[in-house]
Every structure is written in C-alpha cells, then in structure tokens.
Protein backbone atom coordinates (compact mmCIF):
# COMPACT_ATOMS: atom_id res chain seq x y z
CA MET A 1 2.21 14.55 -36.88
CA PHE A 2 -1.02 14.55 -34.88
CA ILE A 3 -1.48 18.30 -34.40
CA GLY A 4 -4.96 19.16 -33.23
CA VAL A 5 -5.68 15.69 -31.94
CA SER A 6 -6.15 15.64 -28.21
CA ILE A 7 -6.09 12.47 -26.22
CA ALA A 8 -8.29 12.68 -23.17
CA LEU A 9 -7.86 9.13 -21.97
CA PHE A 10 -5.33 6.50 -22.87
CA ALA A 11 -5.75 2.98 -21.50
CA VAL A 12 -3.26 0.17 -21.69
CA ALA A 13 -3.97 -3.36 -20.53
CA ALA A 14 -1.09 -5.75 -20.20
CA GLN A 15 -0.54 -9.21 -18.86
CA ALA A 16 3.08 -8.47 -18.21
CA GLN A 17 5.49 -9.70 -15.60
CA GLY A 18 4.66 -6.51 -13.74
CA ALA A 19 4.98 -2.77 -13.77
CA ASN A 20 7.50 -0.79 -11.74
CA VAL A 21 6.25 2.55 -10.48
CA ALA A 22 7.33 5.24 -8.05
CA PHE A 23 5.35 5.30 -4.81
CA GLY A 24 5.29 8.16 -2.33
CA ALA A 25 6.96 11.55 -2.52
CA ILE A 26 9.68 10.66 -0.02
CA LYS A 27 11.44 7.54 1.14
CA ALA A 28 10.08 6.20 4.42
CA ASP A 29 11.99 5.10 7.50
CA PRO A 30 10.76 1.71 8.82
CA THR A 31 12.68 2.25 12.07
CA LEU A 32 10.29 5.02 13.15
CA PRO A 33 7.66 4.18 15.79
CA VAL A 34 4.39 2.66 14.58
CA GLU A 35 1.22 4.32 15.92
CA VAL A 36 -2.09 2.42 15.77
CA THR A 37 -5.58 3.63 16.65
CA ALA A 38 -8.80 1.60 16.45
CA ASP A 39 -12.21 1.09 18.01
CA SER A 40 -11.06 -1.98 19.98
CA LEU A 41 -7.99 -4.06 20.81
CA ASP A 42 -7.63 -7.73 21.72
CA VAL A 43 -4.20 -8.89 22.95
CA ASP A 44 -3.09 -12.54 23.21
CA GLN A 45 0.13 -12.65 25.25
CA GLN A 46 0.69 -16.38 24.59
CA SER A 47 0.68 -16.09 20.80
CA GLY A 48 2.38 -12.69 20.75
CA ARG A 49 -0.41 -11.11 18.72
CA ALA A 50 -2.61 -8.07 19.03
CA GLU A 51 -5.74 -7.51 16.94
CA TYR A 52 -7.14 -4.05 16.32
CA ILE A 53 -10.73 -3.94 15.06
CA GLY A 54 -12.79 -1.13 13.56
CA ASN A 55 -11.63 2.12 11.95
CA VAL A 56 -7.98 1.09 12.21
CA VAL A 57 -5.40 3.74 11.32
CA VAL A 58 -1.67 3.02 11.25
CA GLY A 59 0.92 5.77 11.07
CA GLN A 60 4.68 5.57 10.66
CA GLY A 61 6.43 8.75 9.60
CA GLU A 62 4.73 9.98 6.41
CA MET A 63 3.05 6.60 5.71
CA ARG A 64 -0.60 6.10 6.66
CA MET A 65 -2.62 2.90 6.32
CA SER A 66 -6.24 2.29 7.26
CA ALA A 67 -8.26 -0.94 7.38
CA ASP A 68 -11.17 -2.69 9.04
CA ARG A 69 -8.86 -5.02 11.00
CA LEU A 70 -5.17 -5.14 11.82
CA LEU A 71 -3.26 -8.06 13.26
CA VAL A 72 0.08 -7.13 14.86
CA ILE A 73 2.54 -10.02 15.08
CA PHE A 74 5.48 -9.57 17.43
CA SER A 75 8.92 -11.13 16.93
CA ASP A 76 9.78 -14.12 19.14
CA ALA A 77 13.42 -13.10 19.53
CA VAL A 78 12.90 -9.51 20.62
CA ASN A 79 10.00 -7.45 21.87
CA ALA A 80 9.45 -5.76 18.51
CA ILE A 81 6.83 -5.80 15.77
CA GLU A 82 7.61 -8.38 13.09
CA ARG A 83 4.74 -7.60 10.73
CA LEU A 84 1.31 -6.07 10.38
CA GLU A 85 -1.54 -7.82 8.54
CA ALA A 86 -4.34 -5.46 7.51
CA THR A 87 -7.63 -6.73 6.07
CA GLY A 88 -10.83 -5.18 4.77
CA ASP A 89 -10.87 -1.96 2.74
CA VAL A 90 -7.14 -1.34 3.13
CA ILE A 91 -5.92 2.11 2.06
CA LEU A 92 -2.22 2.99 1.97
CA VAL A 93 -1.15 6.61 1.56
CA SER A 94 2.38 7.92 1.18
CA GLY A 95 2.81 11.50 0.04
CA PRO A 96 0.50 12.19 -2.95
CA ASP A 97 0.07 8.49 -3.84
CA ALA A 98 -2.69 6.22 -2.55
CA ALA A 99 -3.40 2.52 -2.99
CA GLU A 100 -6.44 0.43 -2.12
CA ALA A 101 -6.70 -3.37 -1.67
CA GLN A 102 -8.51 -6.00 0.34
CA ARG A 103 -5.37 -7.10 2.21
CA ALA A 104 -1.90 -5.78 3.05
CA GLU A 105 1.03 -7.35 4.87
CA TYR A 106 3.75 -5.01 6.12
CA THR A 107 7.09 -6.55 7.14
CA ILE A 108 8.57 -3.85 9.36
CA ASP A 109 12.30 -4.69 9.14
CA SER A 110 12.37 -4.66 5.33
CA GLY A 111 9.95 -1.74 4.91
CA VAL A 112 7.97 -3.82 2.37
CA ILE A 113 4.19 -3.87 2.09
CA VAL A 114 2.49 -6.51 -0.09
CA MET A 115 -1.05 -5.57 -1.08
CA THR A 116 -3.44 -8.12 -2.65
CA GLY A 117 -7.04 -8.29 -3.79
CA ASP A 118 -8.30 -5.75 -6.34
CA VAL A 119 -5.35 -3.39 -5.99
CA LEU A 120 -5.94 0.18 -7.18
CA LEU A 121 -3.09 2.71 -7.22
CA THR A 122 -3.84 6.37 -7.90
CA GLN A 123 -1.16 8.92 -8.69
CA GLY A 124 -2.75 12.25 -9.43
CA GLN A 125 -5.29 11.64 -12.24
CA ASN A 126 -3.58 8.39 -13.33
CA ALA A 127 -4.73 5.01 -12.05
CA LEU A 128 -3.28 1.50 -12.16
CA THR A 129 -4.97 -1.75 -11.17
CA SER A 130 -3.48 -5.19 -10.60
CA ASP A 131 -3.82 -8.43 -8.67
CA SER A 132 -1.01 -7.48 -6.27
CA MET A 133 1.43 -4.70 -5.51
CA THR A 134 4.66 -4.81 -3.54
CA VAL A 135 5.66 -1.43 -2.09
CA ASN A 136 9.18 -0.80 -0.82
CA LEU A 137 8.83 2.19 1.49
CA THR A 138 12.59 2.65 1.91
CA THR A 139 13.20 3.05 -1.85
CA GLY A 140 9.87 4.72 -2.67
CA THR A 141 9.07 2.18 -5.40
CA ALA A 142 6.34 -0.35 -6.11
CA GLN A 143 6.00 -3.41 -8.34
CA MET A 144 2.56 -4.30 -9.67
CA ALA A 145 1.93 -7.89 -10.76
CA GLY A 146 -0.88 -9.95 -12.20
CA ARG A 147 -3.30 -8.48 -14.68
CA VAL A 148 -2.03 -4.88 -14.81
CA LYS A 149 -4.18 -2.13 -16.30
CA THR A 150 -3.15 1.51 -16.57
CA ILE A 151 -5.25 4.58 -17.25
CA LEU A 152 -3.17 7.64 -18.10
CA ILE A 153 -4.65 11.11 -18.41
CA THR A 154 -2.70 13.26 -20.84
CA ASP A 155 -2.58 17.03 -20.94
CA ASP A 156 -4.18 18.75 -23.92
CA GLU A 157 -1.56 21.18 -25.19
C-alpha cells in the first residue's frame, strides 16, 4: 500500500490505436442552425462556397468553434451546408471540454468533427495530445489517434 505517497502528475505516452474519451457535457444536435461571425466574407456562387476570414466564431447549440479562416461548402443536391473546414488556431468548445488544433473539418449531417495538427484536448486539469481527434457531437465522444499522450492530475487524499 502506498499510504502517504501523493502523485501530483502522472503522464502516460502511448502509440496505441487511439484513445476513446468523452467530449462535451451534453450531446449536440447537428440539425440546429449554424451561426457564423467573422471580420469578412467572400462568397463564390458558382462553386457553392463561402469563406469567412478573421476572428471566425461558429456556434451551433452548445458547440462553439473559432478559427482564423472558415470555408463553408454547400451541398449540390439541396441548399444546405455540407461541411465546414476551419483552419488556423482552431478551438472547439463543448460544455467544459475544449480542444485545439491547426485544422478541423465538420461534416454537418453526421455531426462529426475531425481535428488534425497538434491536437490538444483539455478536460478540467487533465490534458491529452495526439495527431488527430474525431469528435462525434451527437454521441458526446471522441477518438484520439496517432501519438497519444495523456497527462492526468490526481487528487491528493
């Protein structure tokens, strides 16, 4: 028994297939309207794309995402958003959880966001890093893949 021994920081590095984690306090609804604000907007009607540039903030229900740039790609079949491609200092927040990456692609219909490039997930005092993270907003789960590293803060009791 390790009575009297307190662990302040416990780090685990693993080159595993991935790590499954909870993400967000509540399940999100990808059918809710998507609200986007930015410094500027460039729309190309022919390609069915809209590009938001500068201080981009995306909101959908409880989910918030910010980035330097956001490309909105509309579906050919219907006048609806197919996916969002965010680049540059991407931050995704859902409930108490937050993730950072260089890029994120959000497929609206499936409610799935794939984040790549120096992914950092923080959950309270705990942090996880990986090459990529796939977040399913409808189930409130995430899968981290690539070189996964976890830092867990334990309570001293």
